[in-house]
Amino acid sequence: MLPPLTRLLLGLLPLVPAPLLADMSFDEMMHEKEVEERSLTEQEFAAVQRRLEAEREEERRRLAQQEHEARLRQEAERQRLAARPLGERLVEARCSSCHPLEQVVAARHSRPGWHLTMARMHYWHGAELTWAEHGVIVDHLTQTQPATTRQSMIEYAVLAALLTAPLALWLRQQRQRNRK
């Protein structure tokens, strides 16, 4: 059994630089190491280059495959969206520019109610709609989001009041003129 100090020194021996233990200088050792590394590099250089090029090519293929799959997904999504009814696409394009789509989907109106809503959005809020788009959107919303019976009755009563109000005012004016 070795004394503890000797064991400690032997344990530290691998940490001592090799030139101190060998009969060659540090420069000689580095030159020999460079020669060994250079010969290893020359021997393995072609193999390493081939392996790197193969990895790069595989990465290029993988990226090309991902791009191709992304293009296919985009095209499928575009076709799916294009296959939707025109009314649905117009609601999404025109109404969702100001409202969350959930708000539009939650609304319920009768045909006159949807016409009044669209007219209000167009004239009071500046929604850019052509009359053709107005009609297509109203048709779509009337079919997909109809009003309850109670709502329909209220909307028809409001419409009747709006349509008869000018007539009532005209009749009133006529009576007042006749009394004079």
Protein backbone atom coordinates (compact mmCIF):
# COMPACT_ATOMS: atom_id res chain seq x y z
CA MET A 1 0.00 0.00 0.00
CA LEU A 2 1.33 3.40 -1.08
CA PRO A 3 1.50 6.29 1.34
CA PRO A 4 -1.25 8.93 0.86
CA LEU A 5 1.14 11.58 -0.48
CA THR A 6 2.43 9.23 -3.19
CA ARG A 7 -1.11 8.31 -4.19
CA LEU A 8 -1.98 12.00 -4.44
CA LEU A 9 1.05 12.68 -6.67
CA LEU A 10 0.24 9.70 -8.87
CA GLY A 11 -3.33 10.93 -9.15
CA LEU A 12 -2.10 14.34 -10.34
CA LEU A 13 0.36 12.83 -12.82
CA PRO A 14 -2.11 12.80 -15.77
CA LEU A 15 -2.55 16.56 -15.31
CA VAL A 16 1.14 17.27 -15.86
CA PRO A 17 1.87 18.36 -19.47
CA ALA A 18 3.37 15.61 -21.55
CA PRO A 19 6.61 17.48 -22.52
CA LEU A 20 7.61 17.54 -18.88
CA LEU A 21 7.35 13.78 -18.78
CA ALA A 22 8.85 13.02 -22.18
CA ASP A 23 12.23 13.54 -23.74
CA MET A 24 10.84 15.97 -26.33
CA SER A 25 10.12 19.67 -26.19
CA PHE A 26 6.67 21.23 -26.35
CA ASP A 27 7.25 22.37 -29.96
CA GLU A 28 8.30 18.89 -31.00
CA MET A 29 5.22 17.42 -29.39
CA MET A 30 2.92 19.98 -31.09
CA HIS A 31 4.55 19.36 -34.46
CA GLU A 32 4.05 15.61 -34.07
CA LYS A 33 0.43 16.17 -32.98
CA GLU A 34 -0.22 18.42 -36.02
CA VAL A 35 1.22 15.75 -38.30
CA GLU A 36 -1.05 13.13 -36.71
CA GLU A 37 -4.08 15.41 -37.01
CA ARG A 38 -3.24 16.33 -40.59
CA SER A 39 -2.85 12.70 -41.58
CA LEU A 40 -6.15 11.85 -39.88
CA THR A 41 -7.81 14.77 -41.60
CA GLU A 42 -6.43 13.76 -44.97
CA GLN A 43 -7.56 10.19 -44.45
CA GLU A 44 -11.03 11.05 -43.22
CA PHE A 45 -11.58 14.33 -45.05
CA ALA A 46 -13.33 12.79 -48.08
CA ALA A 47 -15.56 10.64 -45.86
CA VAL A 48 -16.49 13.61 -43.66
CA GLN A 49 -17.20 15.75 -46.73
CA ARG A 50 -19.42 13.03 -48.20
CA ARG A 51 -21.27 12.63 -44.91
CA LEU A 52 -21.77 16.41 -44.61
CA GLU A 53 -22.98 16.68 -48.19
CA ALA A 54 -25.37 13.76 -47.64
CA GLU A 55 -26.73 15.48 -44.51
CA ARG A 56 -27.14 18.76 -46.40
CA GLU A 57 -28.91 16.98 -49.24
CA GLU A 58 -31.20 15.21 -46.79
CA GLU A 59 -31.98 18.54 -45.13
CA ARG A 60 -32.75 20.09 -48.54
CA ARG A 61 -35.06 17.19 -49.36
CA ARG A 62 -36.78 17.47 -45.99
CA LEU A 63 -37.31 21.23 -46.41
CA ALA A 64 -38.56 20.77 -49.97
CA GLN A 65 -41.00 18.11 -48.74
CA GLN A 66 -42.24 20.41 -45.96
CA GLU A 67 -42.72 23.29 -48.42
CA HIS A 68 -44.57 21.00 -50.82
CA GLU A 69 -46.86 19.76 -48.04
CA ALA A 70 -47.49 23.35 -46.90
CA ARG A 71 -48.41 24.36 -50.47
CA LEU A 72 -50.77 21.38 -50.71
CA ARG A 73 -52.43 22.32 -47.40
CA GLN A 74 -52.81 25.95 -48.54
CA GLU A 75 -54.32 24.89 -51.86
CA ALA A 76 -56.72 22.50 -50.12
CA GLU A 77 -57.76 25.26 -47.70
CA ARG A 78 -58.21 27.72 -50.59
CA GLN A 79 -60.40 25.20 -52.43
CA ARG A 80 -62.39 24.48 -49.28
CA LEU A 81 -62.99 28.20 -48.72
CA ALA A 82 -63.86 28.77 -52.39
CA ALA A 83 -66.40 25.93 -52.26
CA ARG A 84 -68.42 27.71 -49.57
CA PRO A 85 -71.60 29.52 -50.62
CA LEU A 86 -71.17 33.07 -51.92
CA GLY A 87 -73.30 34.47 -49.11
CA GLU A 88 -71.07 32.94 -46.47
CA ARG A 89 -67.95 34.31 -48.13
CA LEU A 90 -69.52 37.78 -48.45
CA VAL A 91 -70.60 37.78 -44.79
CA GLU A 92 -67.07 36.88 -43.82
CA ALA A 93 -65.51 39.48 -46.11
CA ARG A 94 -67.88 42.39 -45.47
CA CYS A 95 -69.24 41.90 -41.94
CA SER A 96 -66.11 40.61 -40.24
CA SER A 97 -64.19 43.74 -41.21
CA CYS A 98 -66.08 45.52 -38.38
CA HIS A 99 -67.58 42.73 -36.26
CA PRO A 100 -66.27 39.49 -34.81
CA LEU A 101 -67.86 36.66 -36.80
CA GLU A 102 -69.35 35.27 -33.57
CA GLN A 103 -71.41 38.46 -33.20
CA VAL A 104 -72.79 38.13 -36.72
CA VAL A 105 -73.56 34.42 -36.24
CA ALA A 106 -75.35 35.12 -32.96
CA ALA A 107 -77.74 37.68 -34.52
CA ARG A 108 -81.21 36.56 -35.63
CA HIS A 109 -83.58 38.53 -37.86
CA SER A 110 -86.37 38.06 -40.34
CA ARG A 111 -85.84 39.07 -43.96
CA PRO A 112 -87.00 42.68 -43.34
CA GLY A 113 -84.87 42.77 -40.20
CA TRP A 114 -81.78 41.73 -42.14
CA HIS A 115 -82.59 44.29 -44.86
CA LEU A 116 -82.89 47.03 -42.23
CA THR A 117 -79.70 45.89 -40.53
CA MET A 118 -77.77 45.89 -43.81
CA ALA A 119 -79.19 49.31 -44.77
CA ARG A 120 -78.24 50.69 -41.34
CA MET A 121 -74.69 49.33 -41.70
CA HIS A 122 -74.44 50.78 -45.21
CA TYR A 123 -75.91 54.25 -44.62
CA TRP A 124 -75.07 54.98 -40.98
CA HIS A 125 -71.80 53.12 -40.56
CA GLY A 126 -70.35 53.31 -44.06
CA ALA A 127 -70.19 49.59 -44.82
CA GLU A 128 -69.09 49.21 -48.42
CA LEU A 129 -71.72 47.03 -50.06
CA THR A 130 -73.16 46.89 -53.54
CA TRP A 131 -76.88 46.23 -53.87
CA ALA A 132 -76.12 42.83 -55.36
CA GLU A 133 -73.97 41.93 -52.31
CA HIS A 134 -76.68 43.31 -50.04
CA GLY A 135 -79.25 40.93 -51.54
CA VAL A 136 -76.94 37.89 -51.45
CA ILE A 137 -75.97 38.55 -47.81
CA VAL A 138 -79.61 39.08 -46.75
CA ASP A 139 -80.65 35.83 -48.49
CA HIS A 140 -77.82 33.92 -46.81
CA LEU A 141 -78.46 35.35 -43.34
CA THR A 142 -82.22 34.84 -43.64
CA GLN A 143 -81.69 31.16 -44.44
CA THR A 144 -78.91 30.45 -41.94
CA GLN A 145 -79.92 32.74 -39.07
CA PRO A 146 -83.71 33.16 -39.08
CA ALA A 147 -85.55 35.08 -36.39
CA THR A 148 -87.82 33.48 -33.82
CA THR A 149 -91.55 33.88 -34.37
CA ARG A 150 -91.76 36.62 -31.73
CA GLN A 151 -88.82 38.49 -33.27
CA SER A 152 -90.38 38.21 -36.72
CA MET A 153 -93.67 39.65 -35.49
CA ILE A 154 -91.89 42.59 -33.83
CA GLU A 155 -89.79 43.28 -36.92
CA TYR A 156 -92.83 43.16 -39.23
CA ALA A 157 -94.70 45.53 -36.87
CA VAL A 158 -91.78 47.98 -36.90
CA LEU A 159 -91.63 47.74 -40.70
CA ALA A 160 -95.37 48.37 -40.95
CA ALA A 161 -95.01 51.40 -38.66
CA LEU A 162 -92.14 52.75 -40.71
CA LEU A 163 -94.04 52.31 -43.94
CA THR A 164 -97.32 53.76 -42.66
CA ALA A 165 -95.81 56.70 -40.75
CA PRO A 166 -95.38 58.87 -43.87
CA LEU A 167 -98.94 58.05 -44.92
CA ALA A 168 -100.25 58.97 -41.46
CA LEU A 169 -98.35 62.28 -41.55
CA TRP A 170 -99.67 63.06 -45.01
CA LEU A 171 -103.27 62.32 -43.96
CA ARG A 172 -102.87 64.54 -40.89
CA GLN A 173 -101.59 67.40 -43.04
CA GLN A 174 -104.51 66.93 -45.44
CA ARG A 175 -107.05 67.18 -42.57
CA GLN A 176 -105.39 70.30 -41.24
CA ARG A 177 -105.52 71.93 -44.69
CA ASN A 178 -109.16 71.00 -45.11
CA ARG A 179 -110.07 72.64 -41.76
CA LYS A 180 -108.62 75.97 -42.86
